[in-house]
Amino acid sequence: MKLPTLDHLNFANQKTLVRLDLNVPLDAEQNIVDETRIRAALPTIKAILAQGGSLIIMSHLGRPKGKVDPKYSLKPCAEALGKLLGQEVQMAPDCIGEQTRQMAANLQPGQVLVLENLRFHEAETKPEKDPSFAKELATLADLYVNDAFGTAHRKHSSTYTLCDYFNHQKAAGLLMEKEVHFLTNAFEEPKRPFYALVGGAKISTKLGVIYSLLSKVDALFIGGAMAYTFFKAQGISIGTSLFEPNLVEEANRILELSKQKQIPLYLPQDIVCVQEPALDAPTQIFTPHTGIADGYEGVDIGPKTIALYCEKFSNAKTFFWNGPVGLYEMRPFAQGTRSLLAKVAQLSASTIIGGGDLVAACQATGASEKMTHISTGGGACLELIEKGTLPTIQALLKK
């Protein structure tokens, strides 16, 4: 897949509309809790500025549902970006409108302007509601760069529709280029054995990628609450554990498909359970053989599963993991996720963390520096693995 990259464009004395993912976590006082996404955008920003271009940055933050909401303002992001770049970063009052147009028109080479939250307008997430929104954004600049991999699976005005107005004057940013190159190469020609671990709460959000992985991997490991739907499919009692009743048959089909393809599919061998998830809750371990007793809920994989999975992972040459294997946000039930992260970090393999909630766990344990690649987009990462492309990729390739 040959994406148009920054090398394809001349940014000197040109205004570039850059779509970034500045959807950072904020505390109650509007202070940024984690600057990771802002820092991830710096290479693209600096590359354009180094050529003598000017930047008009656009992004979303949170879910303001098409209405102006000060708590979702991008002003904290603009201030943080200014400090990281060591220069003034201007902040527009809106992403469209006369005042914003004037600020964009006055922008000089080397200057940076951040537009206000795109999602203050309903047309950002629903382009069909107002096609003029993307058209007005397009009038602000000469060139278009998309570096927001986290939203690359969305057909939004700023990520998809906008591309129609730039024809040959558009490109993927450095982060987008890196994500697409790494993920497509890693899954098209993986070094083997290639193992994947899929966790998280629901099969429904990972169904497509599970089927896709079964045609690529040498073994598939399951963890998290989605395991209980598989247990239910096998007639194993799961107590009050979370599961998806409408996907029990689908779980059966996945189990049958793994047998047909002779791809080992590993499910937890023991489960840490509580009657009520709380920091001081007494725990009890159940196995698939005994089933989970009534009134108990599974919250983590047990020590036997940790030992088994770690043993099986040892000879991996390519390893992909998406989704925690327990209620990791509560420290007593994070042991499974933390232990497996420690093991994966030690592998002499290409290790890929597939975005989402697992990234925070990876950073908290210090394992992130030892991973080969940590994706910045959970949903986008999974869709790219499943379908081999994304709406934003198609929009950038379209002439």
Protein backbone atom coordinates (compact mmCIF):
# COMPACT_ATOMS: atom_id res chain seq x y z
CA MET A 1 0.00 0.00 0.00
CA LYS A 2 1.73 3.18 -1.24
CA LEU A 3 0.30 6.12 0.67
CA PRO A 4 1.13 9.67 -0.45
CA THR A 5 3.57 10.93 2.20
CA LEU A 6 5.05 14.27 3.25
CA ASP A 7 7.80 13.78 0.65
CA HIS A 8 5.18 14.20 -2.07
CA LEU A 9 4.41 17.80 -1.10
CA ASN A 10 6.26 21.12 -1.04
CA PHE A 11 5.25 22.99 2.12
CA ALA A 12 7.36 26.13 1.60
CA ASN A 13 5.20 29.28 1.80
CA GLN A 14 2.08 27.10 1.78
CA LYS A 15 -0.68 26.80 4.34
CA THR A 16 -1.30 23.19 5.40
CA LEU A 17 -4.47 21.93 7.04
CA VAL A 18 -3.31 19.14 9.37
CA ARG A 19 -5.74 16.70 10.99
CA LEU A 20 -4.27 15.49 14.29
CA ASP A 21 -5.59 13.37 17.13
CA LEU A 22 -5.35 15.70 20.14
CA ASN A 23 -8.09 13.87 22.02
CA VAL A 24 -6.16 13.93 25.30
CA PRO A 25 -7.48 13.20 28.81
CA LEU A 26 -8.22 16.31 30.91
CA ASP A 27 -8.85 16.67 34.65
CA ALA A 28 -11.66 18.74 36.21
CA GLU A 29 -9.54 21.92 35.95
CA GLN A 30 -8.88 21.40 32.21
CA ASN A 31 -5.30 20.32 32.81
CA ILE A 32 -3.91 17.72 30.41
CA VAL A 33 -3.32 14.42 32.23
CA ASP A 34 -1.35 12.71 29.46
CA GLU A 35 0.41 14.52 26.56
CA THR A 36 1.25 11.34 24.62
CA ARG A 37 -0.97 12.16 21.63
CA ILE A 38 0.34 15.72 21.39
CA ARG A 39 3.95 14.53 21.48
CA ALA A 40 3.16 11.88 18.84
CA ALA A 41 2.15 14.68 16.46
CA LEU A 42 5.39 16.69 16.86
CA PRO A 43 7.46 14.99 14.11
CA THR A 44 4.89 15.89 11.43
CA ILE A 45 4.45 19.44 12.75
CA LYS A 46 8.20 20.04 12.88
CA ALA A 47 8.77 18.55 9.42
CA ILE A 48 6.29 20.99 7.85
CA LEU A 49 7.61 23.99 9.79
CA ALA A 50 11.19 23.09 8.83
CA GLN A 51 10.24 23.51 5.16
CA GLY A 52 8.90 27.00 5.78
CA GLY A 53 5.24 26.06 5.81
CA SER A 54 2.50 27.28 8.12
CA LEU A 55 0.12 24.94 9.94
CA ILE A 56 -3.60 25.07 10.57
CA ILE A 57 -4.22 22.26 13.04
CA MET A 58 -7.62 20.66 13.50
CA SER A 59 -8.75 17.95 15.90
CA HIS A 60 -11.63 16.77 18.04
CA LEU A 61 -11.71 16.41 21.81
CA GLY A 62 -14.26 14.30 23.65
CA ARG A 63 -17.89 14.02 22.56
CA PRO A 64 -19.59 17.42 22.75
CA LYS A 65 -22.35 16.10 20.44
CA GLY A 66 -22.36 18.92 17.93
CA LYS A 67 -22.65 21.73 20.45
CA VAL A 68 -20.15 24.22 21.89
CA ASP A 69 -19.04 23.05 25.33
CA PRO A 70 -16.12 24.92 26.99
CA LYS A 71 -14.94 21.81 28.84
CA TYR A 72 -14.07 20.27 25.46
CA SER A 73 -12.13 23.28 24.15
CA LEU A 74 -8.81 22.59 22.44
CA LYS A 75 -7.24 25.61 24.13
CA PRO A 76 -5.27 23.46 26.66
CA CYS A 77 -3.87 21.49 23.69
CA ALA A 78 -2.83 24.68 21.89
CA GLU A 79 -1.05 25.91 25.04
CA ALA A 80 0.73 22.57 25.55
CA LEU A 81 1.75 22.49 21.90
CA GLY A 82 3.20 25.99 22.20
CA LYS A 83 5.38 24.93 25.13
CA LEU A 84 6.57 21.78 23.36
CA LEU A 85 7.41 23.70 20.16
CA GLY A 86 8.89 26.66 22.01
CA GLN A 87 6.85 29.16 20.01
CA GLU A 88 3.52 30.95 20.01
CA VAL A 89 0.57 28.85 18.89
CA GLN A 90 -2.52 30.82 17.97
CA MET A 91 -6.01 29.62 18.94
CA ALA A 92 -9.02 30.23 16.69
CA PRO A 93 -12.45 30.85 18.24
CA ASP A 94 -14.01 28.23 15.95
CA CYS A 95 -12.99 25.88 13.15
CA ILE A 96 -15.03 27.80 10.54
CA GLY A 97 -16.44 31.32 10.27
CA GLU A 98 -15.17 34.76 9.25
CA GLN A 99 -12.79 35.33 12.19
CA THR A 100 -11.19 31.91 11.70
CA ARG A 101 -10.84 32.53 7.95
CA GLN A 102 -9.11 35.83 8.66
CA MET A 103 -6.68 34.26 11.14
CA ALA A 104 -5.83 31.56 8.62
CA ALA A 105 -5.35 34.11 5.83
CA ASN A 106 -2.95 36.16 7.99
CA LEU A 107 -0.83 33.15 8.94
CA GLN A 108 2.85 33.58 7.99
CA PRO A 109 5.44 30.86 7.20
CA GLY A 110 6.54 29.13 10.40
CA GLN A 111 3.38 30.04 12.30
CA VAL A 112 0.84 27.65 13.84
CA LEU A 113 -2.91 28.06 14.29
CA VAL A 114 -5.10 25.58 16.19
CA LEU A 115 -8.79 25.49 15.23
CA GLU A 116 -11.43 24.96 17.90
CA ASN A 117 -12.95 21.50 18.42
CA LEU A 118 -14.34 20.11 15.15
CA ARG A 119 -17.07 18.24 17.02
CA PHE A 120 -18.66 21.49 18.16
CA HIS A 121 -20.30 21.11 14.74
CA GLU A 122 -22.62 18.15 14.07
CA ALA A 123 -21.39 18.02 10.45
CA GLU A 124 -17.98 16.76 11.60
CA THR A 125 -19.31 13.33 12.55
CA LYS A 126 -22.30 13.50 10.16
CA PRO A 127 -20.96 15.00 6.90
CA GLU A 128 -24.25 14.34 5.13
CA LYS A 129 -26.01 16.81 7.45
CA ASP A 130 -24.01 19.76 6.04
CA PRO A 131 -21.60 19.13 3.12
CA SER A 132 -20.60 22.81 3.22
CA PHE A 133 -18.70 22.21 6.49
CA ALA A 134 -15.87 20.26 4.82
CA LYS A 135 -15.87 22.69 1.90
CA GLU A 136 -15.41 25.66 4.24
CA LEU A 137 -12.57 23.91 6.09
CA ALA A 138 -10.87 23.28 2.75
CA THR A 139 -10.82 27.00 1.90
CA LEU A 140 -8.44 27.65 4.82
CA ALA A 141 -5.36 26.03 3.27
CA ASP A 142 -3.43 24.98 0.17
CA LEU A 143 -2.48 21.47 1.31
CA TYR A 144 -3.99 18.72 3.48
CA VAL A 145 -2.20 16.25 5.77
CA ASN A 146 -3.88 13.58 7.88
CA ASP A 147 -1.86 12.35 10.85
CA ALA A 148 -4.78 11.20 13.03
CA PHE A 149 -4.55 7.41 12.86
CA GLY A 150 -6.86 7.08 15.88
CA THR A 151 -9.78 8.34 13.76
CA ALA A 152 -8.73 6.74 10.47
CA HIS A 153 -11.66 4.30 10.58
CA ARG A 154 -14.22 7.14 10.66
CA LYS A 155 -15.84 8.71 7.59
CA HIS A 156 -15.92 12.16 9.17
CA SER A 157 -15.74 15.53 7.42
CA SER A 158 -12.15 16.27 8.50
CA THR A 159 -10.79 12.77 7.88
CA TYR A 160 -12.65 11.62 4.78
CA THR A 161 -14.82 14.18 2.96
CA LEU A 162 -12.14 16.89 3.10
CA CYS A 163 -9.80 14.84 0.92
CA ASP A 164 -12.06 15.42 -2.10
CA TYR A 165 -11.03 19.08 -2.13
CA PHE A 166 -7.27 18.49 -2.31
CA ASN A 167 -6.83 15.88 -5.07
CA HIS A 168 -3.00 15.64 -5.49
CA GLN A 169 -2.30 18.11 -2.66
CA LYS A 170 -2.80 15.67 0.22
CA ALA A 171 -0.68 13.23 2.18
CA ALA A 172 -0.43 11.04 5.26
CA GLY A 173 1.57 12.44 8.18
CA LEU A 174 4.56 10.64 9.65
CA LEU A 175 2.53 8.93 12.40
CA MET A 176 -0.14 7.74 9.95
CA GLU A 177 2.55 6.51 7.57
CA LYS A 178 4.33 4.62 10.35
CA GLU A 179 1.12 2.97 11.64
CA VAL A 180 -0.09 1.84 8.22
CA HIS A 181 3.34 0.64 7.09
CA PHE A 182 4.04 -1.29 10.28
CA LEU A 183 0.63 -2.91 10.70
CA THR A 184 0.19 -3.95 7.07
CA ASN A 185 3.74 -5.33 6.79
CA ALA A 186 3.59 -7.14 10.13
CA PHE A 187 0.36 -8.94 9.23
CA GLU A 188 1.00 -9.63 5.56
CA GLU A 189 4.38 -11.30 6.09
CA PRO A 190 4.77 -12.10 9.80
CA LYS A 191 7.73 -13.97 11.17
CA ARG A 192 6.49 -17.24 12.63
CA PRO A 193 5.29 -18.51 15.00
CA PHE A 194 2.76 -15.66 14.97
CA TYR A 195 0.58 -15.50 18.09
CA ALA A 196 -2.26 -13.16 19.01
CA LEU A 197 -3.92 -12.43 22.33
CA VAL A 198 -7.35 -10.81 22.25
CA GLY A 199 -8.85 -9.51 25.49
CA GLY A 200 -11.38 -6.92 26.52
CA ALA A 201 -15.01 -7.11 27.48
CA LYS A 202 -16.92 -7.99 24.32
CA ILE A 203 -16.63 -10.36 21.39
CA SER A 204 -18.97 -8.06 19.44
CA THR A 205 -16.34 -5.31 19.14
CA LYS A 206 -13.61 -7.77 18.08
CA LEU A 207 -15.58 -10.28 16.01
CA GLY A 208 -14.17 -9.24 12.63
CA VAL A 209 -10.58 -9.17 13.82
CA ILE A 210 -10.90 -12.59 15.52
CA TYR A 211 -12.02 -14.16 12.23
CA SER A 212 -9.25 -12.34 10.39
CA LEU A 213 -6.62 -13.46 12.89
CA LEU A 214 -7.70 -17.10 12.56
CA SER A 215 -6.53 -16.96 8.94
CA LYS A 216 -3.17 -15.45 9.90
CA VAL A 217 -1.94 -16.69 13.30
CA ASP A 218 -0.42 -19.94 14.51
CA ALA A 219 -2.30 -19.74 17.82
CA LEU A 220 -4.97 -17.48 19.32
CA PHE A 221 -5.27 -16.69 23.03
CA ILE A 222 -8.42 -15.29 24.64
CA GLY A 223 -8.69 -13.28 27.86
CA GLY A 224 -10.88 -10.69 29.51
CA ALA A 225 -14.65 -10.82 29.90
CA MET A 226 -15.12 -12.05 26.34
CA ALA A 227 -13.86 -15.45 27.57
CA TYR A 228 -17.12 -15.95 29.47
CA THR A 229 -19.15 -15.94 26.25
CA PHE A 230 -16.91 -18.74 25.00
CA PHE A 231 -17.43 -20.61 28.29
CA LYS A 232 -21.18 -20.18 27.94
CA ALA A 233 -20.98 -21.62 24.44
CA GLN A 234 -19.35 -24.73 25.95
CA GLY A 235 -22.02 -25.09 28.61
CA ILE A 236 -19.73 -23.95 31.43
CA SER A 237 -21.42 -22.01 34.25
CA ILE A 238 -20.13 -18.43 34.54
CA GLY A 239 -21.96 -17.12 37.63
CA THR A 240 -22.73 -13.41 37.24
CA SER A 241 -19.81 -12.80 34.84
CA LEU A 242 -20.33 -10.46 31.91
CA PHE A 243 -21.21 -12.18 28.63
CA GLU A 244 -23.11 -11.54 25.39
CA PRO A 245 -26.15 -13.85 25.08
CA ASN A 246 -26.68 -13.04 21.39
CA LEU A 247 -23.12 -14.08 20.54
CA VAL A 248 -23.00 -17.50 22.20
CA GLU A 249 -23.61 -19.23 18.86
CA GLU A 250 -21.00 -17.02 17.21
CA ALA A 251 -18.51 -18.06 19.89
CA ASN A 252 -19.32 -21.68 19.04
CA ARG A 253 -18.63 -21.01 15.36
CA ILE A 254 -15.26 -19.47 16.23
CA LEU A 255 -14.35 -22.52 18.31
CA GLU A 256 -15.36 -24.84 15.45
CA LEU A 257 -13.46 -22.77 12.90
CA SER A 258 -10.28 -22.94 14.97
CA LYS A 259 -10.61 -26.74 15.00
CA GLN A 260 -11.20 -26.88 11.25
CA LYS A 261 -8.17 -24.70 10.58
CA GLN A 262 -6.16 -26.58 13.23
CA ILE A 263 -5.30 -23.27 14.90
CA PRO A 264 -5.03 -23.74 18.69
CA LEU A 265 -7.43 -21.43 20.54
CA TYR A 266 -6.54 -21.06 24.22
CA LEU A 267 -9.11 -20.06 26.84
CA PRO A 268 -8.35 -19.31 30.53
CA GLN A 269 -7.68 -22.39 32.67
CA ASP A 270 -8.61 -20.64 35.91
CA ILE A 271 -10.47 -17.45 36.78
CA VAL A 272 -10.10 -15.02 39.69
CA CYS A 273 -13.64 -14.26 40.88
CA VAL A 274 -15.36 -11.97 43.40
CA GLN A 275 -18.91 -11.50 44.57
CA GLU A 276 -18.61 -7.73 44.07
CA PRO A 277 -15.73 -5.90 42.30
CA ALA A 278 -14.12 -3.79 45.04
CA LEU A 279 -10.53 -3.12 46.07
CA ASP A 280 -10.87 -5.18 49.25
CA ALA A 281 -13.14 -7.90 47.86
CA PRO A 282 -12.23 -11.48 48.88
CA THR A 283 -11.29 -13.54 45.82
CA GLN A 284 -11.90 -17.14 44.89
CA ILE A 285 -10.49 -19.09 41.97
CA PHE A 286 -12.68 -21.25 39.78
CA THR A 287 -11.81 -23.41 36.76
CA PRO A 288 -13.76 -24.32 33.62
CA HIS A 289 -14.02 -27.83 35.08
CA THR A 290 -15.90 -26.62 38.16
CA GLY A 291 -17.52 -23.61 36.52
CA ILE A 292 -17.98 -20.28 38.28
CA ALA A 293 -20.33 -20.51 41.26
CA ASP A 294 -23.58 -18.54 41.41
CA GLY A 295 -23.08 -15.05 42.76
CA TYR A 296 -19.45 -14.85 41.61
CA GLU A 297 -18.07 -12.74 38.79
CA GLY A 298 -14.83 -13.29 36.89
CA VAL A 299 -12.41 -10.35 37.10
CA ASP A 300 -9.01 -11.70 36.00
CA ILE A 301 -7.19 -14.75 34.68
CA GLY A 302 -5.73 -16.99 37.39
CA PRO A 303 -2.14 -18.16 38.09
CA LYS A 304 -2.43 -21.38 36.04
CA THR A 305 -3.53 -19.39 32.99
CA ILE A 306 -0.75 -16.85 33.47
CA ALA A 307 1.81 -19.67 33.65
CA LEU A 308 0.36 -21.49 30.61
CA TYR A 309 0.12 -18.39 28.43
CA CYS A 310 3.64 -17.24 29.35
CA GLU A 311 5.02 -20.67 28.50
CA LYS A 312 3.25 -20.75 25.13
CA PHE A 313 4.33 -17.19 24.24
CA SER A 314 8.02 -18.02 24.68
CA ASN A 315 8.85 -19.05 21.10
CA ALA A 316 6.81 -16.33 19.35
CA LYS A 317 8.47 -14.37 16.54
CA THR A 318 5.51 -12.05 15.98
CA PHE A 319 3.08 -11.22 18.77
CA PHE A 320 -0.08 -9.08 18.62
CA TRP A 321 -2.16 -8.12 21.65
CA ASN A 322 -5.33 -6.07 21.94
CA GLY A 323 -7.38 -5.67 25.14
CA PRO A 324 -6.58 -6.36 28.82
CA VAL A 325 -7.24 -9.83 30.25
CA GLY A 326 -8.88 -8.63 33.46
CA LEU A 327 -10.36 -5.67 35.27
CA TYR A 328 -6.91 -4.08 35.12
CA GLU A 329 -8.04 -0.58 36.18
CA MET A 330 -8.57 -2.04 39.67
CA ARG A 331 -5.13 -2.96 41.02
CA PRO A 332 -6.11 -6.27 42.72
CA PHE A 333 -7.43 -7.57 39.38
CA ALA A 334 -4.57 -6.34 37.18
CA GLN A 335 -2.19 -9.20 37.92
CA GLY A 336 -2.99 -11.14 34.76
CA THR A 337 -2.52 -8.16 32.45
CA ARG A 338 0.64 -6.98 34.23
CA SER A 339 2.22 -10.46 34.29
CA LEU A 340 1.56 -11.09 30.59
CA LEU A 341 2.86 -7.63 29.68
CA ALA A 342 6.09 -8.39 31.53
CA LYS A 343 6.44 -11.63 29.57
CA VAL A 344 5.66 -10.07 26.17
CA ALA A 345 8.16 -7.28 26.86
CA GLN A 346 10.88 -9.93 27.21
CA LEU A 347 10.13 -11.75 23.96
CA SER A 348 12.71 -11.74 21.18
CA ALA A 349 9.88 -11.08 18.75
CA SER A 350 8.13 -8.29 16.90
CA THR A 351 5.61 -7.23 19.57
CA ILE A 352 2.59 -5.14 18.65
CA ILE A 353 0.19 -3.57 21.16
CA GLY A 354 -3.06 -2.86 19.36
CA GLY A 355 -4.08 0.44 20.92
CA GLY A 356 -7.10 0.97 23.18
CA ASP A 357 -7.15 0.44 26.95
CA LEU A 358 -4.08 -1.80 26.90
CA VAL A 359 -1.82 1.16 26.03
CA ALA A 360 -2.42 2.75 29.44
CA ALA A 361 -1.62 -0.54 31.18
CA CYS A 362 1.50 -0.88 29.07
CA GLN A 363 2.72 2.60 30.04
CA ALA A 364 1.86 2.11 33.71
CA THR A 365 4.00 -1.04 33.93
CA GLY A 366 6.94 0.46 32.04
CA ALA A 367 6.64 -2.19 29.34
CA SER A 368 5.95 0.28 26.53
CA GLU A 369 9.64 1.00 25.83
CA LYS A 370 10.28 -2.68 25.18
CA MET A 371 7.45 -3.16 22.66
CA THR A 372 8.21 -3.00 18.95
CA HIS A 373 5.10 -0.99 18.14
CA ILE A 374 2.27 0.52 20.19
CA SER A 375 -0.62 1.62 18.01
CA THR A 376 -2.21 5.00 18.71
CA GLY A 377 -5.63 3.83 17.53
CA GLY A 378 -7.48 0.83 18.95
CA GLY A 379 -10.48 0.79 16.61
CA ALA A 380 -8.45 1.87 13.58
CA CYS A 381 -5.80 -0.75 14.31
CA LEU A 382 -8.37 -3.56 14.53
CA GLU A 383 -10.20 -2.47 11.37
CA LEU A 384 -6.93 -2.24 9.41
CA ILE A 385 -6.01 -5.78 10.49
CA GLU A 386 -9.49 -7.05 9.65
CA LYS A 387 -10.04 -5.32 6.28
CA GLY A 388 -6.53 -4.42 5.14
CA THR A 389 -7.52 -0.80 4.60
CA LEU A 390 -9.37 2.12 6.23
CA PRO A 391 -11.72 4.85 4.95
CA THR A 392 -9.07 7.52 5.52
CA ILE A 393 -6.48 5.51 3.58
CA GLN A 394 -8.89 5.18 0.66
CA ALA A 395 -9.61 8.92 0.79
CA LEU A 396 -5.90 9.77 0.67
CA LEU A 397 -5.33 7.39 -2.26
CA LYS A 398 -8.34 8.66 -4.22
CA LYS A 399 -7.61 11.08 -7.07
